[in-house]
Amino acid sequence: MADGAEIKARIASITETKKVTDAMYMISSVKMTRARREVEKTRPYFEGLKEEIAGLFRHIPETSNRYFRVPDPAEGAHLSHGVLLITSDKGLAGSYNHTVLSMCESIMSRHPRTVLFVVGEYGRRYFMSKKIPFIEAFRYSAEFPTVWKARLICADLLEYYDQGALDEINIVYTDYINGKPSECKRNVLLPLTRSRFATDQKDDADGTEFFPDPDTVLGGVVPSYLTGFIYGCLVDSYCSEQQARMSAMSSAGKNAENMLSDLRRKYNSIRQAAITREMTEITSGSHALKEKAAASADERRK
C-alpha cells in the first residue's frame, strides 16, 4: 500500500491535471461560441448566393456548365474521385477524428482512384503513418476557420476539377447541431445538381438580363457558393471538435474528482492510523513511566 507521502504527491499531480482539463474545457467553449458568431455574420450572403443560382435556373432550361456536368454512371469505378476531409489539428477530442477518418477510408475502399485533400494536422499524420498518399502541398489548418481560408481551399479544388483531374469531389466533415450529438456527413461538392437549388418559387418573366449570358454568370457565381458551403463545413467541424473536446475534458474532470476523492480518503485513513499509532505510543510510554515511577517509589519505601 502506498504511503502518505506518495499519495499526497499523486493528489497534487491529479489536481494540477484537473486544472488543465478545466482550462481546456473553458477554452473550447469560448472558441465554439466565437466560431458560431462569425458564421452567423456571413450566412445571409451565402444564402443569397444560393437564391441567385436558383433564380438563374429559371432562365436556363438546360445547362452545359462544367460545374453541373454529371459523369456517366457507366464509367463507375473508373471515375477519379477527390475527397476533402476535415479533421482537427490536435487530439484529445474523443472519437471526433476517428469517425471522419473511418468514413473517408470507407469511400477510398470503394473508389481506388481517390485523391485526398486533408484539412487538419491530425488527419495528415494519420495517413502518413499508414503510408496512404494525399496531396501534401494542400496544407490548411483546422484552427479558426475563415471565409478567406475557405476561398483558398475552394480555389485549389477547382483547379483539379477544371483541369479534368477529378470527376467528382466529396467533402467529409462533422455536422454540428446545437444541443445534439454531432454527426459525420459526406456531401458531394462537385458536380452540382439543379435539384440542390430547387425552390417553390414559380418561373417569372421579370425582365432580368444577364451579360454575356445566364450560363456564363452561373459559372462565375458557383465558386462563391462553394466557398460558402466549404466555410460552413469548416465551422461545423470546428464547433463539433470543440464540443467533443469539451465532453472529453468534462469526463476527464469527473474522473479526476473521483480519483481525488478516493486518494483523499486513503490519505486521511493513513493519517488517522498514524495519529492513532502515535497516541497509542504516547499512552504506552506514559503508562510505562508511571509504572517505573511507582516501582522506584516502592524501592525507596523498602
Protein backbone atom coordinates (compact mmCIF):
# COMPACT_ATOMS: atom_id res chain seq x y z
CA MET A 1 0.00 0.00 0.00
CA ALA A 2 1.31 3.47 -0.89
CA ASP A 3 2.49 5.62 2.00
CA GLY A 4 1.14 9.07 2.85
CA ALA A 5 3.88 10.98 1.01
CA GLU A 6 3.28 9.07 -2.22
CA ILE A 7 -0.49 9.56 -2.05
CA LYS A 8 -0.02 13.25 -1.28
CA ALA A 9 2.20 13.58 -4.37
CA ARG A 10 -0.43 11.84 -6.52
CA ILE A 11 -3.14 14.15 -5.18
CA ALA A 12 -1.04 17.18 -6.13
CA SER A 13 -0.36 15.77 -9.62
CA ILE A 14 -4.02 14.96 -10.34
CA THR A 15 -5.09 18.35 -9.01
CA GLU A 16 -2.75 20.08 -11.49
CA THR A 17 -4.03 17.86 -14.33
CA LYS A 18 -7.60 18.75 -13.45
CA LYS A 19 -6.74 22.44 -13.65
CA VAL A 20 -5.51 21.83 -17.22
CA THR A 21 -8.64 19.91 -18.27
CA ASP A 22 -10.89 22.58 -16.75
CA ALA A 23 -8.97 25.28 -18.62
CA MET A 24 -9.21 23.34 -21.90
CA TYR A 25 -12.95 22.97 -21.38
CA MET A 26 -13.35 26.73 -20.98
CA ILE A 27 -11.12 27.50 -23.97
CA SER A 28 -13.09 25.14 -26.22
CA SER A 29 -16.35 26.73 -25.08
CA VAL A 30 -15.10 30.21 -25.99
CA LYS A 31 -13.76 29.03 -29.36
CA MET A 32 -17.05 27.40 -30.28
CA THR A 33 -19.08 30.48 -29.33
CA ARG A 34 -16.84 32.74 -31.38
CA ALA A 35 -16.97 30.48 -34.45
CA ARG A 36 -20.76 30.31 -34.37
CA ARG A 37 -20.95 34.08 -34.07
CA GLU A 38 -18.71 34.56 -37.12
CA VAL A 39 -20.65 32.15 -39.32
CA GLU A 40 -23.92 33.87 -38.46
CA LYS A 41 -22.49 37.10 -39.86
CA THR A 42 -21.75 35.56 -43.26
CA ARG A 43 -24.75 33.22 -43.57
CA PRO A 44 -27.10 35.78 -45.22
CA TYR A 45 -24.56 36.44 -48.01
CA PHE A 46 -24.13 32.79 -48.96
CA GLU A 47 -27.85 32.10 -48.62
CA GLY A 48 -28.37 34.99 -51.04
CA LEU A 49 -25.94 33.38 -53.50
CA LYS A 50 -27.91 30.15 -53.36
CA GLU A 51 -31.11 32.06 -54.13
CA GLU A 52 -29.39 33.80 -57.04
CA ILE A 53 -28.36 30.47 -58.52
CA ALA A 54 -31.93 29.24 -58.13
CA GLY A 55 -33.07 32.41 -59.92
CA LEU A 56 -30.61 31.82 -62.75
CA PHE A 57 -32.05 28.37 -63.35
CA ARG A 58 -35.42 29.95 -64.02
CA HIS A 59 -33.77 31.48 -67.08
CA ILE A 60 -31.72 28.41 -68.07
CA PRO A 61 -33.87 25.44 -69.12
CA GLU A 62 -30.74 23.37 -69.63
CA THR A 63 -27.09 23.98 -68.87
CA SER A 64 -23.81 22.51 -70.01
CA ASN A 65 -21.92 24.36 -67.28
CA ARG A 66 -18.84 22.44 -66.14
CA TYR A 67 -19.93 22.64 -62.51
CA PHE A 68 -23.13 20.77 -63.33
CA ARG A 69 -21.59 18.19 -65.63
CA VAL A 70 -22.84 14.83 -64.40
CA PRO A 71 -20.42 11.94 -65.07
CA ASP A 72 -21.69 8.94 -66.99
CA PRO A 73 -22.71 6.28 -64.43
CA ALA A 74 -21.38 3.63 -66.82
CA GLU A 75 -17.85 4.78 -66.03
CA GLY A 76 -18.32 3.57 -62.46
CA ALA A 77 -15.11 2.88 -60.58
CA HIS A 78 -13.03 4.42 -63.39
CA LEU A 79 -14.05 7.89 -62.22
CA SER A 80 -11.43 9.95 -60.42
CA HIS A 81 -12.75 10.92 -57.02
CA GLY A 82 -11.50 13.63 -54.74
CA VAL A 83 -12.24 13.78 -51.01
CA LEU A 84 -11.92 16.92 -48.92
CA LEU A 85 -11.53 15.56 -45.39
CA ILE A 86 -11.82 17.85 -42.37
CA THR A 87 -10.05 16.70 -39.21
CA SER A 88 -8.58 18.60 -36.28
CA ASP A 89 -5.04 19.78 -35.65
CA LYS A 90 -4.84 18.08 -32.25
CA GLY A 91 -6.20 15.07 -30.42
CA LEU A 92 -7.95 14.93 -27.04
CA ALA A 93 -11.32 15.23 -28.79
CA GLY A 94 -12.90 11.86 -28.12
CA SER A 95 -13.99 9.99 -31.25
CA TYR A 96 -14.22 13.16 -33.37
CA ASN A 97 -11.29 12.36 -35.68
CA HIS A 98 -11.78 8.59 -35.76
CA THR A 99 -15.33 8.92 -37.11
CA VAL A 100 -14.43 11.05 -40.15
CA LEU A 101 -11.29 9.01 -40.82
CA SER A 102 -13.34 5.83 -40.83
CA MET A 103 -15.85 7.27 -43.31
CA CYS A 104 -13.05 8.52 -45.54
CA GLU A 105 -11.38 5.10 -45.61
CA SER A 106 -14.74 3.54 -46.47
CA ILE A 107 -15.04 5.84 -49.51
CA MET A 108 -11.48 5.05 -50.56
CA SER A 109 -12.14 1.31 -50.40
CA ARG A 110 -14.98 1.74 -52.91
CA HIS A 111 -13.11 4.15 -55.19
CA PRO A 112 -9.48 3.15 -55.73
CA ARG A 113 -8.67 6.33 -57.65
CA THR A 114 -9.26 8.68 -54.76
CA VAL A 115 -7.29 11.89 -54.32
CA LEU A 116 -7.15 13.04 -50.69
CA PHE A 117 -7.23 16.69 -49.61
CA VAL A 118 -6.79 16.75 -45.83
CA VAL A 119 -7.56 19.72 -43.59
CA GLY A 120 -6.02 19.38 -40.13
CA GLU A 121 -2.69 18.06 -38.91
CA TYR A 122 -4.25 15.05 -37.18
CA GLY A 123 -5.54 13.63 -40.47
CA ARG A 124 -2.26 14.26 -42.29
CA ARG A 125 -0.27 12.46 -39.60
CA TYR A 126 -2.75 9.57 -39.63
CA PHE A 127 -2.46 8.93 -43.37
CA MET A 128 1.29 9.49 -43.24
CA SER A 129 1.63 6.80 -40.57
CA LYS A 130 -0.40 4.38 -42.71
CA LYS A 131 1.55 5.36 -45.85
CA ILE A 132 -1.63 6.39 -47.66
CA PRO A 133 -0.88 9.11 -50.26
CA PHE A 134 -2.55 12.51 -50.05
CA ILE A 135 -1.90 15.93 -51.55
CA GLU A 136 0.94 17.11 -49.31
CA ALA A 137 1.01 20.61 -50.84
CA PHE A 138 -2.58 21.05 -49.63
CA ARG A 139 -1.80 22.26 -46.11
CA TYR A 140 -4.59 24.01 -44.24
CA SER A 141 -5.10 24.21 -40.50
CA ALA A 142 -8.46 23.35 -38.96
CA GLU A 143 -7.98 26.05 -36.33
CA PHE A 144 -10.01 29.27 -36.62
CA PRO A 145 -11.88 28.75 -39.93
CA THR A 146 -12.35 31.87 -42.05
CA VAL A 147 -14.02 32.72 -45.36
CA TRP A 148 -10.60 33.53 -46.80
CA LYS A 149 -9.31 30.07 -45.89
CA ALA A 150 -12.43 28.51 -47.44
CA ARG A 151 -11.85 30.54 -50.61
CA LEU A 152 -8.28 29.26 -50.92
CA ILE A 153 -9.40 25.67 -50.36
CA CYS A 154 -12.12 26.09 -52.98
CA ALA A 155 -9.62 27.51 -55.50
CA ASP A 156 -7.29 24.53 -55.01
CA LEU A 157 -10.12 22.03 -55.53
CA LEU A 158 -11.46 23.85 -58.59
CA GLU A 159 -8.00 23.79 -60.14
CA TYR A 160 -8.05 19.99 -60.09
CA TYR A 161 -11.67 19.84 -61.24
CA ASP A 162 -11.32 22.36 -64.07
CA GLN A 163 -8.26 20.55 -65.42
CA GLY A 164 -10.24 17.31 -65.60
CA ALA A 165 -8.04 15.60 -62.98
CA LEU A 166 -11.15 14.84 -60.90
CA ASP A 167 -14.64 13.84 -62.00
CA GLU A 168 -16.24 14.18 -58.57
CA ILE A 169 -15.29 15.85 -55.30
CA ASN A 170 -16.82 14.88 -51.96
CA ILE A 171 -16.46 16.57 -48.60
CA VAL A 172 -16.37 14.57 -45.36
CA TYR A 173 -16.97 16.64 -42.27
CA THR A 174 -18.74 16.64 -38.90
CA ASP A 175 -22.07 18.44 -38.80
CA TYR A 176 -22.74 20.48 -35.68
CA ILE A 177 -26.24 20.75 -34.25
CA ASN A 178 -26.51 22.79 -31.08
CA GLY A 179 -27.54 20.67 -28.13
CA LYS A 180 -27.38 17.38 -30.05
CA PRO A 181 -24.64 14.82 -30.78
CA SER A 182 -22.53 15.73 -33.82
CA GLU A 183 -22.92 13.62 -36.96
CA CYS A 184 -20.32 12.69 -39.56
CA LYS A 185 -21.55 13.56 -43.07
CA ARG A 186 -20.50 13.14 -46.66
CA ASN A 187 -21.70 15.60 -49.30
CA VAL A 188 -20.91 15.97 -52.98
CA LEU A 189 -19.22 19.29 -53.68
CA LEU A 190 -18.89 18.82 -57.42
CA PRO A 191 -20.60 18.29 -59.75
CA LEU A 192 -23.66 20.17 -58.53
CA THR A 193 -27.24 19.29 -59.41
CA ARG A 194 -30.14 21.54 -60.23
CA SER A 195 -32.26 19.87 -57.54
CA ARG A 196 -29.87 21.29 -54.95
CA PHE A 197 -31.20 24.76 -55.76
CA ALA A 198 -34.84 23.88 -56.24
CA THR A 199 -37.34 26.37 -54.78
CA ASP A 200 -41.10 26.68 -54.58
CA GLN A 201 -40.99 29.97 -56.45
CA LYS A 202 -42.61 29.79 -59.87
CA ASP A 203 -41.00 30.92 -63.09
CA ASP A 204 -41.46 34.57 -63.79
CA ALA A 205 -40.68 37.00 -66.57
CA ASP A 206 -39.11 39.75 -64.53
CA GLY A 207 -37.14 41.14 -67.43
CA THR A 208 -33.77 40.34 -65.82
CA GLU A 209 -30.87 40.44 -68.27
CA PHE A 210 -27.59 38.57 -67.90
CA PHE A 211 -24.34 39.57 -69.55
CA PRO A 212 -22.98 37.94 -71.55
CA ASP A 213 -25.47 35.11 -70.86
CA PRO A 214 -27.04 33.29 -67.87
CA ASP A 215 -24.77 30.26 -68.23
CA THR A 216 -21.60 32.37 -68.00
CA VAL A 217 -22.98 34.23 -64.98
CA LEU A 218 -23.74 30.86 -63.38
CA GLY A 219 -20.12 29.80 -63.84
CA GLY A 220 -18.99 32.97 -62.08
CA VAL A 221 -21.33 32.63 -59.10
CA VAL A 222 -20.79 28.94 -58.32
CA PRO A 223 -17.22 29.31 -56.91
CA SER A 224 -18.50 31.83 -54.37
CA TYR A 225 -21.33 29.49 -53.44
CA LEU A 226 -18.89 26.59 -52.99
CA THR A 227 -16.69 28.82 -50.84
CA GLY A 228 -19.65 29.48 -48.57
CA PHE A 229 -20.53 25.80 -48.41
CA ILE A 230 -16.94 24.82 -47.54
CA TYR A 231 -16.78 27.57 -44.94
CA GLY A 232 -19.97 26.27 -43.32
CA CYS A 233 -18.50 22.75 -43.20
CA LEU A 234 -15.25 24.05 -41.70
CA VAL A 235 -17.14 25.90 -38.98
CA ASP A 236 -19.46 22.96 -38.27
CA SER A 237 -16.46 20.64 -37.95
CA TYR A 238 -14.62 23.14 -35.77
CA CYS A 239 -17.61 23.52 -33.44
CA SER A 240 -18.07 19.75 -33.33
CA GLU A 241 -14.39 19.38 -32.44
CA GLN A 242 -14.73 21.86 -29.59
CA GLN A 243 -17.92 20.15 -28.39
CA ALA A 244 -16.15 16.77 -28.45
CA ARG A 245 -13.17 18.23 -26.60
CA MET A 246 -15.47 19.81 -24.01
CA SER A 247 -17.12 16.45 -23.48
CA ALA A 248 -13.76 14.68 -23.20
CA MET A 249 -12.42 17.28 -20.76
CA SER A 250 -15.62 17.14 -18.72
CA SER A 251 -15.29 13.35 -18.42
CA ALA A 252 -11.61 13.70 -17.53
CA GLY A 253 -12.50 16.26 -14.85
CA LYS A 254 -15.13 13.97 -13.34
CA ASN A 255 -12.70 11.04 -13.33
CA ALA A 256 -10.10 13.25 -11.67
CA GLU A 257 -12.61 14.24 -8.99
CA ASN A 258 -13.40 10.57 -8.32
CA MET A 259 -9.70 9.72 -8.11
CA LEU A 260 -9.03 12.67 -5.80
CA SER A 261 -11.91 11.67 -3.54
CA ASP A 262 -10.58 8.13 -3.31
CA LEU A 263 -6.98 9.27 -2.72
CA ARG A 264 -8.02 11.81 -0.08
CA ARG A 265 -9.96 9.10 1.73
CA LYS A 266 -6.91 6.82 1.67
CA TYR A 267 -4.62 9.67 2.74
CA ASN A 268 -6.92 10.60 5.63
CA SER A 269 -7.10 6.95 6.64
CA ILE A 270 -3.30 6.71 6.67
CA ARG A 271 -3.04 9.96 8.65
CA GLN A 272 -5.66 8.79 11.13
CA ALA A 273 -3.84 5.47 11.57
CA ALA A 274 -0.55 7.30 12.09
CA ILE A 275 -2.12 9.65 14.65
CA THR A 276 -3.75 6.71 16.43
CA ARG A 277 -0.43 4.86 16.47
CA GLU A 278 1.37 7.92 17.87
CA MET A 279 -1.30 8.39 20.55
CA THR A 280 -1.02 4.73 21.46
CA GLU A 281 2.75 5.01 21.70
CA ILE A 282 2.45 8.16 23.86
CA THR A 283 -0.11 6.50 26.10
CA SER A 284 2.00 3.37 26.36
CA GLY A 285 5.08 5.43 27.15
CA SER A 286 3.23 7.45 29.78
CA HIS A 287 1.91 4.25 31.34
CA ALA A 288 5.40 2.75 31.36
CA LEU A 289 6.83 5.86 33.02
CA LYS A 290 4.13 5.75 35.68
CA GLU A 291 4.85 2.10 36.35
CA LYS A 292 8.57 2.83 36.55
CA ALA A 293 7.96 5.75 38.92
CA ALA A 294 5.71 3.58 41.10
CA ALA A 295 8.34 0.85 41.17
CA SER A 296 11.01 3.35 42.19
CA ALA A 297 8.79 4.68 44.98
CA ASP A 298 8.26 1.15 46.29
CA GLU A 299 12.00 0.55 46.29
CA ARG A 300 12.61 3.68 48.32
CA ARG A 301 9.99 2.73 50.91
CA LYS A 302 11.63 -0.58 51.40
